[in-house]
C-alpha cells in the first residue's frame, strides 16, 4: 500500500503569515488541515493569499486515491477540476468585460445574441443569466441524453461538451418560469449561456479571456481547455461512497427529477470529468482546472486593500458584481443562496465562513474558492475526493479557523 503523503507544514513566502493571520490562527489552520488530511482518501490543498502574495499553503495526500501504488504525491504541479468554481472565473471575466465597456449586464441578452429572444425571452437580461433567475436550468432536448434522461452510449454522450451547440438549443427553449421571478441554480446551463454571451459581446470566448487576461498576465496556473501536454499533472476525481447532490431537497420526486436531469451528463457514473475530452473542452460551468494557489492568488488580487478589483476589474464593475441580485431558497433544491453577478455571496448557511463580506464560488464535491473583502484575503480549497455536502466540513472548518474560530 502506498504511504499517505503528508505535506501539511505551511509554506511561507514574501508575506509574513504571522503578521497577516497571527500565530494562533496559522497554527489552528495547520491543525485543522492535518486532521482532514488524515481522513482524506485522495489529495487536498488549501491556500490563502493577500494582495497576490502567499500567506499559507497547505497540501497533503496523493494525486489519485490512497492505496493506489501508482499515485504520486500531491505537489505544486498537481491540477484538478474546479467544477462550479469555474463559474467564479466566468463572473470575473464578465465583470472585467463590463468594466471595459464591452458588456452591459442590464441589457437584454438578445442585444448580443438575437436568437435568444425566442420563446418569450426577449427581455431577459445578462444580469438575470448571471444571477441564476432566467429559468433555463437544463437543456431541452439534450442531445447527450437518451429518452430516460441517461447519458447516451458512444460518441453521442459527449455532445454536452459542445457549448455552442447546447447554447443554440437553449436559445429556442422556453423558460420554466417568468425570468426574474425565481432563483434556482443553473448548474450547467449557466456556462453555455455565458460562454455564448461573452463570445458574441466581445469576440473572444471564455477560454481566451481566461488565458490572455488572467492566467498569463498574473502567472496563474489556470486552464479552460487543458493543453494535452499537461494531462500528466491532473489528479483524477473520485466520489466518496454514498456521494449525492442537492441534499437540501427532501421527498419531492418532481424536483428531484429536474435536479438529476441537470447533472446527468456532468456527473455521470462514468466520471466524464476524468477524460481528455472533458479536459480539452470549454465547459464554462464546471470544466476549469488549476491549483488552489492560482485561485487564492487571483481572488486576493480582486480584494487588494484599498483597490477593489485589483486593477483586473474596475472598482465600479466589481462593486456592481458584488451587489445582491438574487437571494432566497433555491426554487429547485431548497438550498439557501445569494448571488451577485455570477458570484456567490456570503449566505445564511455560512458557506464563506463567519464573516459578513465575502464572495466566490463553490464546486461540486466540496471545493471552494473566494475572498474576504475586509481582510483582503483570497482562499481556495481543492480536493480530488468528492464528498456529499451534508457530511463535508473540510472547507467550513478551514474558513472558521481562518476567522479565528
Protein backbone atom coordinates (compact mmCIF):
# COMPACT_ATOMS: atom_id res chain seq x y z
CA UNK A 1 0.00 0.00 0.00
CA UNK A 2 1.25 3.47 -0.85
CA UNK A 3 2.18 5.71 2.04
CA UNK A 4 -0.24 8.61 2.52
CA UNK A 5 1.93 11.61 1.68
CA UNK A 6 1.64 14.37 4.28
CA UNK A 7 2.85 17.84 3.31
CA UNK A 8 0.81 19.89 5.75
CA UNK A 9 3.53 22.19 7.08
CA UNK A 10 2.80 25.76 5.98
CA UNK A 11 5.00 27.29 3.30
CA UNK A 12 5.56 30.99 3.78
CA UNK A 13 6.90 33.39 1.20
CA UNK A 14 7.23 37.17 0.96
CA UNK A 15 4.18 37.80 3.11
CA UNK A 16 4.69 37.13 6.81
CA UNK A 17 1.91 34.72 7.79
CA UNK A 18 2.20 35.52 11.49
CA UNK A 19 1.74 39.21 10.77
CA UNK A 20 -1.27 38.66 8.50
CA UNK A 21 -3.01 35.84 10.35
CA UNK A 22 -1.43 35.68 13.77
CA UNK A 23 0.44 32.69 15.14
CA UNK A 24 -2.65 31.15 16.75
CA UNK A 25 -4.66 31.24 13.52
CA UNK A 26 -1.80 29.83 11.47
CA UNK A 27 -1.34 27.01 13.98
CA UNK A 28 -5.07 26.30 14.06
CA UNK A 29 -5.28 26.21 10.25
CA UNK A 30 -2.42 23.73 10.10
CA UNK A 31 -4.05 21.52 12.72
CA UNK A 32 -7.47 21.55 11.04
CA UNK A 33 -5.95 20.80 7.65
CA UNK A 34 -3.87 17.95 9.07
CA UNK A 35 -6.95 16.43 10.73
CA UNK A 36 -8.91 16.38 7.48
CA UNK A 37 -5.86 15.24 5.51
CA UNK A 38 -5.53 12.20 7.77
CA UNK A 39 -9.04 11.13 6.72
CA UNK A 40 -8.65 12.04 3.04
CA UNK A 41 -8.64 9.14 0.61
CA UNK A 42 -7.00 11.22 -2.11
CA UNK A 43 -5.29 14.60 -2.02
CA UNK A 44 -6.18 18.10 -0.88
CA UNK A 45 -4.83 21.63 -0.92
CA UNK A 46 -5.68 24.87 0.89
CA UNK A 47 -4.07 28.21 0.14
CA UNK A 48 -4.54 31.75 1.42
CA UNK A 49 -3.11 34.82 -0.32
CA UNK A 50 -3.10 38.55 0.35
CA UNK A 51 -2.51 41.11 -2.42
CA UNK A 52 -1.16 38.36 -4.67
CA UNK A 53 1.33 37.03 -2.11
CA UNK A 54 1.08 33.64 -0.34
CA UNK A 55 0.14 33.68 3.32
CA UNK A 56 -0.21 29.97 3.94
CA UNK A 57 -0.04 26.99 1.56
CA UNK A 58 -1.07 23.53 2.72
CA UNK A 59 -1.20 20.32 0.74
CA UNK A 60 -1.37 16.63 1.51
CA UNK A 61 -2.14 13.23 0.08
CA UNK A 62 -1.86 11.85 -3.42
CA UNK A 63 -2.94 12.90 -6.89
CA UNK A 64 -5.04 9.78 -7.12
CA UNK A 65 -6.50 7.52 -4.50
CA UNK A 66 -4.88 6.34 -1.31
CA UNK A 67 -3.67 2.78 -1.71
CA UNK A 68 -3.01 3.14 -5.42
CA UNK A 69 0.66 2.28 -5.80
CA UNK A 70 0.92 4.37 -8.96
CA UNK A 71 -0.40 7.55 -7.33
CA UNK A 72 2.16 10.31 -6.91
CA UNK A 73 2.29 12.81 -4.09
CA UNK A 74 0.06 15.87 -4.45
CA UNK A 75 2.55 18.64 -5.23
CA UNK A 76 2.67 22.21 -6.54
CA UNK A 77 2.19 20.97 -10.13
CA UNK A 78 -0.97 18.99 -9.39
CA UNK A 79 -4.08 20.14 -11.22
CA UNK A 80 -7.66 19.19 -10.58
CA UNK A 81 -11.11 20.09 -11.86
CA UNK A 82 -12.77 23.09 -10.19
CA UNK A 83 -16.30 22.01 -11.13
CA UNK A 84 -18.51 25.05 -10.45
CA UNK A 85 -15.60 27.01 -9.08
CA UNK A 86 -15.21 27.73 -12.79
CA UNK A 87 -18.33 29.91 -12.59
CA UNK A 88 -16.42 32.34 -10.38
CA UNK A 89 -13.85 32.75 -13.15
CA UNK A 90 -16.66 33.42 -15.64
CA UNK A 91 -18.07 36.03 -13.24
CA UNK A 92 -14.67 37.74 -13.13
CA UNK A 93 -14.47 37.78 -16.92
CA UNK A 94 -18.00 39.19 -17.20
CA UNK A 95 -17.14 41.91 -14.67
CA UNK A 96 -13.91 42.71 -16.48
CA UNK A 97 -15.72 42.94 -19.82
CA UNK A 98 -18.40 45.13 -18.24
CA UNK A 99 -15.78 47.47 -16.79
CA UNK A 100 -14.17 47.77 -20.21
CA UNK A 101 -17.49 48.73 -21.80
CA UNK A 102 -17.76 45.51 -23.80
CA UNK A 103 -20.72 44.01 -21.91
CA UNK A 104 -23.80 45.68 -20.44
CA UNK A 105 -25.22 43.45 -17.72
CA UNK A 106 -28.52 45.36 -17.75
CA UNK A 107 -29.01 44.85 -21.49
CA UNK A 108 -31.21 42.12 -22.93
CA UNK A 109 -29.27 39.01 -23.88
CA UNK A 110 -30.88 39.31 -27.31
CA UNK A 111 -28.93 42.53 -27.95
CA UNK A 112 -25.84 40.33 -28.26
CA UNK A 113 -27.48 37.05 -29.20
CA UNK A 114 -30.66 37.73 -31.24
CA UNK A 115 -31.73 34.08 -31.40
CA UNK A 116 -32.12 34.05 -27.60
CA UNK A 117 -35.26 36.21 -27.87
CA UNK A 118 -37.27 33.14 -28.93
CA UNK A 119 -39.98 31.64 -26.69
CA UNK A 120 -40.67 34.86 -24.78
CA UNK A 121 -37.09 35.59 -23.68
CA UNK A 122 -36.67 38.91 -25.49
CA UNK A 123 -36.49 40.88 -22.21
CA UNK A 124 -34.15 38.51 -20.33
CA UNK A 125 -31.05 40.44 -19.26
CA UNK A 126 -27.43 39.38 -18.99
CA UNK A 127 -27.71 40.04 -15.27
CA UNK A 128 -30.55 37.53 -14.94
CA UNK A 129 -28.41 34.85 -16.55
CA UNK A 130 -25.51 35.69 -14.22
CA UNK A 131 -27.78 35.62 -11.15
CA UNK A 132 -29.50 32.31 -11.98
CA UNK A 133 -33.04 33.67 -12.38
CA UNK A 134 -33.63 33.05 -16.10
CA UNK A 135 -35.49 29.74 -15.67
CA UNK A 136 -33.44 27.52 -18.01
CA UNK A 137 -31.86 25.00 -15.61
CA UNK A 138 -31.42 22.25 -18.22
CA UNK A 139 -31.16 21.84 -21.98
CA UNK A 140 -34.30 20.51 -23.68
CA UNK A 141 -33.85 18.41 -25.70
CA UNK A 142 -30.40 17.42 -24.51
CA UNK A 143 -28.68 15.54 -27.34
CA UNK A 144 -26.27 13.84 -24.92
CA UNK A 145 -29.12 12.11 -23.05
CA UNK A 146 -31.48 9.29 -24.09
CA UNK A 147 -35.25 9.18 -23.66
CA UNK A 148 -34.81 8.17 -20.00
CA UNK A 149 -32.54 11.19 -19.37
CA UNK A 150 -29.47 8.97 -19.05
CA UNK A 151 -26.18 9.58 -20.88
CA UNK A 152 -26.22 8.09 -24.37
CA UNK A 153 -23.77 5.41 -25.44
CA UNK A 154 -20.84 6.07 -27.72
CA UNK A 155 -19.84 9.45 -29.07
CA UNK A 156 -23.30 10.93 -28.56
CA UNK A 157 -22.70 11.15 -24.80
CA UNK A 158 -20.07 13.86 -25.37
CA UNK A 159 -22.38 16.33 -27.06
CA UNK A 160 -22.79 18.20 -23.78
CA UNK A 161 -19.19 19.35 -24.24
CA UNK A 162 -20.17 21.33 -27.35
CA UNK A 163 -21.04 24.63 -25.70
CA UNK A 164 -22.22 26.39 -28.85
CA UNK A 165 -24.49 23.51 -29.84
CA UNK A 166 -26.08 23.47 -26.41
CA UNK A 167 -26.42 27.27 -26.47
CA UNK A 168 -28.29 27.04 -29.79
CA UNK A 169 -30.85 24.73 -28.16
CA UNK A 170 -31.22 26.97 -25.11
CA UNK A 171 -31.85 29.96 -27.36
CA UNK A 172 -35.02 28.31 -28.67
CA UNK A 173 -36.15 26.97 -25.30
CA UNK A 174 -38.96 28.38 -23.16
CA UNK A 175 -38.10 29.13 -19.51
CA UNK A 176 -39.72 27.14 -16.70
CA UNK A 177 -40.85 30.36 -15.00
CA UNK A 178 -41.08 34.06 -15.73
CA UNK A 179 -37.43 35.17 -15.86
CA UNK A 180 -36.52 37.05 -12.72
CA UNK A 181 -39.44 35.65 -10.70
CA UNK A 182 -37.48 32.82 -9.07
CA UNK A 183 -33.89 31.94 -8.35
CA UNK A 184 -32.55 28.42 -8.92
CA UNK A 185 -29.00 27.33 -9.51
CA UNK A 186 -28.31 26.75 -13.22
CA UNK A 187 -25.61 24.16 -12.65
CA UNK A 188 -24.59 23.55 -16.27
CA UNK A 189 -26.63 25.87 -18.48
CA UNK A 190 -25.06 28.96 -16.86
CA UNK A 191 -21.86 28.03 -18.67
CA UNK A 192 -23.45 27.51 -22.08
CA UNK A 193 -25.31 30.81 -21.89
CA UNK A 194 -22.47 32.92 -20.51
CA UNK A 195 -19.97 31.44 -22.96
CA UNK A 196 -22.21 32.44 -25.85
CA UNK A 197 -22.92 35.90 -24.44
CA UNK A 198 -19.26 36.67 -23.80
CA UNK A 199 -18.21 35.41 -27.23
CA UNK A 200 -20.85 37.44 -29.04
CA UNK A 201 -20.32 40.58 -26.97
CA UNK A 202 -16.53 40.64 -27.03
CA UNK A 203 -15.38 38.48 -29.94
CA UNK A 204 -13.39 36.21 -27.62
CA UNK A 205 -14.51 33.07 -25.83
CA UNK A 206 -14.20 32.40 -22.11
CA UNK A 207 -11.12 30.22 -22.56
CA UNK A 208 -9.35 33.02 -24.42
CA UNK A 209 -10.27 35.59 -21.80
CA UNK A 210 -9.04 33.31 -19.02
CA UNK A 211 -5.73 32.62 -20.71
CA UNK A 212 -4.99 36.05 -22.15
CA UNK A 213 -6.35 38.35 -19.44
CA UNK A 214 -5.92 36.35 -16.23
CA UNK A 215 -3.62 33.33 -16.43
CA UNK A 216 -0.74 34.76 -18.46
CA UNK A 217 -0.57 38.34 -17.10
CA UNK A 218 -0.75 37.25 -13.46
CA UNK A 219 1.21 34.00 -13.69
CA UNK A 220 -1.74 31.80 -12.77
CA UNK A 221 -1.88 28.04 -13.31
CA UNK A 222 -5.48 28.16 -14.57
CA UNK A 223 -6.93 26.39 -17.60
CA UNK A 224 -10.16 26.04 -19.54
CA UNK A 225 -9.25 23.70 -22.33
CA UNK A 226 -6.21 21.98 -20.84
CA UNK A 227 -3.21 21.51 -23.18
CA UNK A 228 -2.55 17.84 -23.89
CA UNK A 229 0.97 18.20 -22.51
CA UNK A 230 -0.42 18.91 -19.03
CA UNK A 231 -2.57 15.78 -18.74
CA UNK A 232 0.03 14.03 -16.60
CA UNK A 233 -0.44 16.71 -13.94
CA UNK A 234 -4.14 16.01 -13.38
CA UNK A 235 -5.40 14.38 -10.18
CA UNK A 236 -8.33 12.15 -11.20
CA UNK A 237 -11.60 12.78 -9.42
CA UNK A 238 -13.39 10.12 -7.42
CA UNK A 239 -16.58 10.16 -5.38
CA UNK A 240 -16.70 9.04 -1.76
CA UNK A 241 -19.10 6.15 -1.05
CA UNK A 242 -22.70 7.35 -0.99
CA UNK A 243 -21.94 10.61 -2.80
CA UNK A 244 -25.08 12.54 -3.76
CA UNK A 245 -26.10 16.05 -4.77
CA UNK A 246 -28.70 18.58 -3.60
CA UNK A 247 -29.08 17.19 -0.10
CA UNK A 248 -31.30 20.09 0.97
CA UNK A 249 -34.10 18.72 -1.21
CA UNK A 250 -36.32 16.20 0.59
CA UNK A 251 -39.14 13.99 -0.67
CA UNK A 252 -40.03 15.81 -3.87
CA UNK A 253 -39.79 13.40 -6.83
CA UNK A 254 -40.72 16.04 -9.41
CA UNK A 255 -37.98 18.48 -8.43
CA UNK A 256 -35.52 15.63 -7.83
CA UNK A 257 -36.08 14.54 -11.43
CA UNK A 258 -35.19 18.05 -12.60
CA UNK A 259 -32.02 18.05 -10.48
CA UNK A 260 -30.99 14.65 -11.83
CA UNK A 261 -31.60 15.87 -15.36
CA UNK A 262 -29.46 18.96 -14.77
CA UNK A 263 -26.45 16.94 -13.66
CA UNK A 264 -26.98 13.79 -15.76
CA UNK A 265 -24.07 14.33 -18.16
CA UNK A 266 -21.61 16.22 -15.96
CA UNK A 267 -21.79 13.81 -13.01
CA UNK A 268 -22.48 10.60 -14.92
CA UNK A 269 -21.34 7.35 -13.23
CA UNK A 270 -18.58 7.04 -15.81
CA UNK A 271 -16.98 10.22 -14.34
CA UNK A 272 -16.52 12.16 -17.59
CA UNK A 273 -14.51 14.80 -15.73
CA UNK A 274 -11.57 12.38 -15.80
CA UNK A 275 -11.41 12.17 -19.58
CA UNK A 276 -9.22 14.02 -22.06
CA UNK A 277 -12.36 15.09 -23.94
CA UNK A 278 -13.69 16.90 -20.87
CA UNK A 279 -10.35 18.49 -20.01
CA UNK A 280 -9.93 19.81 -23.56
CA UNK A 281 -13.42 21.34 -23.82
CA UNK A 282 -14.71 24.78 -22.86
CA UNK A 283 -17.15 23.77 -20.13
CA UNK A 284 -17.58 27.18 -18.54
CA UNK A 285 -19.93 25.93 -15.85
CA UNK A 286 -17.58 23.31 -14.44
CA UNK A 287 -14.56 22.42 -16.55
CA UNK A 288 -11.92 24.84 -15.29
CA UNK A 289 -8.74 23.32 -13.91
CA UNK A 290 -5.81 24.54 -11.89
CA UNK A 291 -4.37 24.82 -8.40
CA UNK A 292 -5.53 26.24 -5.11
CA UNK A 293 -2.59 28.65 -5.21
CA UNK A 294 -3.75 30.10 -8.52
CA UNK A 295 -7.33 30.58 -7.36
CA UNK A 296 -6.36 32.05 -3.99
CA UNK A 297 -3.91 34.46 -5.63
CA UNK A 298 -6.47 35.63 -8.17
CA UNK A 299 -9.20 36.22 -5.60
CA UNK A 300 -6.73 38.03 -3.33
CA UNK A 301 -5.88 40.43 -6.16
CA UNK A 302 -9.57 41.29 -6.57
CA UNK A 303 -9.71 42.43 -2.93
CA UNK A 304 -6.34 44.14 -2.72
CA UNK A 305 -6.68 46.53 0.26
CA UNK A 306 -7.60 49.98 -0.97
CA UNK A 307 -8.02 48.78 -4.55
CA UNK A 308 -11.19 46.77 -5.08
CA UNK A 309 -10.85 44.86 -8.33
CA UNK A 310 -7.07 44.90 -8.05
CA UNK A 311 -6.65 46.56 -11.42
CA UNK A 312 -8.11 43.45 -13.04
CA UNK A 313 -11.70 44.68 -12.82
CA UNK A 314 -12.67 48.33 -12.47
CA UNK A 315 -13.83 49.24 -8.93
CA UNK A 316 -17.26 50.22 -10.26
CA UNK A 317 -17.77 46.94 -12.11
CA UNK A 318 -16.51 44.99 -9.11
CA UNK A 319 -18.92 46.75 -6.77
CA UNK A 320 -21.77 46.05 -9.19
CA UNK A 321 -20.80 42.38 -9.43
CA UNK A 322 -20.96 42.08 -5.63
CA UNK A 323 -24.38 43.69 -5.23
CA UNK A 324 -27.12 41.20 -4.35
CA UNK A 325 -29.11 40.30 -7.46
CA UNK A 326 -30.97 37.22 -6.22
CA UNK A 327 -31.47 35.57 -2.84
CA UNK A 328 -33.65 33.08 -1.02
CA UNK A 329 -34.34 29.37 -1.17
CA UNK A 330 -33.40 27.74 -4.44
CA UNK A 331 -36.69 27.01 -6.23
CA UNK A 332 -35.44 23.58 -7.27
CA UNK A 333 -33.33 22.24 -4.41
CA UNK A 334 -34.28 24.36 -1.35
CA UNK A 335 -30.69 25.40 -0.62
CA UNK A 336 -30.37 28.95 0.75
CA UNK A 337 -28.36 31.09 -1.64
CA UNK A 338 -27.42 34.65 -2.56
CA UNK A 339 -25.93 35.75 -5.86
CA UNK A 340 -24.35 38.85 -7.24
CA UNK A 341 -23.43 38.90 -10.92
CA UNK A 342 -22.24 35.31 -11.10
CA UNK A 343 -20.54 35.30 -7.72
CA UNK A 344 -21.94 33.50 -4.70
CA UNK A 345 -22.14 35.96 -1.82
CA UNK A 346 -21.98 35.30 1.92
CA UNK A 347 -25.18 33.47 2.76
CA UNK A 348 -27.34 32.34 5.71
CA UNK A 349 -25.65 28.91 5.91
CA UNK A 350 -22.15 30.35 6.24
CA UNK A 351 -20.67 28.99 3.01
CA UNK A 352 -17.87 31.56 3.22
CA UNK A 353 -17.34 31.30 6.96
CA UNK A 354 -18.31 33.51 9.89
CA UNK A 355 -17.75 36.82 8.09
CA UNK A 356 -20.09 39.45 6.70
CA UNK A 357 -18.46 40.38 3.41
CA UNK A 358 -17.22 37.51 1.29
CA UNK A 359 -17.78 36.12 -2.18
CA UNK A 360 -16.55 33.45 -4.57
CA UNK A 361 -17.87 30.18 -5.88
CA UNK A 362 -18.13 26.63 -4.60
CA UNK A 363 -17.80 23.45 -6.62
CA UNK A 364 -19.36 20.00 -6.56
CA UNK A 365 -17.79 17.65 -4.07
CA UNK A 366 -16.51 20.30 -1.66
CA UNK A 367 -14.11 22.67 -3.39
CA UNK A 368 -14.46 26.35 -2.50
CA UNK A 369 -12.71 29.48 -3.76
CA UNK A 370 -13.26 33.08 -2.78
CA UNK A 371 -12.28 36.22 -0.95
CA UNK A 372 -12.90 38.05 2.28
CA UNK A 373 -13.17 41.70 1.40
CA UNK A 374 -12.40 43.37 4.72
CA UNK A 375 -9.32 41.25 5.40
CA UNK A 376 -8.12 41.41 1.79
CA UNK A 377 -7.68 37.63 1.71
CA UNK A 378 -8.19 35.20 -1.14
CA UNK A 379 -8.53 31.49 -0.40
CA UNK A 380 -9.03 28.20 -2.17
CA UNK A 381 -9.72 24.65 -1.06
CA UNK A 382 -9.35 21.80 -3.54
CA UNK A 383 -9.56 18.04 -3.34
CA UNK A 384 -9.99 15.22 -5.82
CA UNK A 385 -12.21 13.37 -3.32
CA UNK A 386 -15.84 14.42 -3.72
CA UNK A 387 -17.86 14.40 -0.50
CA UNK A 388 -21.59 14.98 -0.12
CA UNK A 389 -22.38 18.48 1.16
CA UNK A 390 -24.22 17.41 4.31
CA UNK A 391 -21.23 15.38 5.55
CA UNK A 392 -18.40 17.56 4.24
CA UNK A 393 -16.96 20.02 6.75
CA UNK A 394 -13.48 20.46 5.23
CA UNK A 395 -13.80 23.96 3.77
CA UNK A 396 -16.16 25.05 6.55
CA UNK A 397 -13.69 24.08 9.26
CA UNK A 398 -10.79 25.74 7.46
CA UNK A 399 -12.69 29.00 6.98
CA UNK A 400 -13.75 29.03 10.61
CA UNK A 401 -10.09 28.55 11.60
CA UNK A 402 -9.11 31.34 9.20
CA UNK A 403 -11.57 33.60 11.03
CA UNK A 404 -10.01 32.70 14.36
CA UNK A 405 -12.83 30.41 15.47
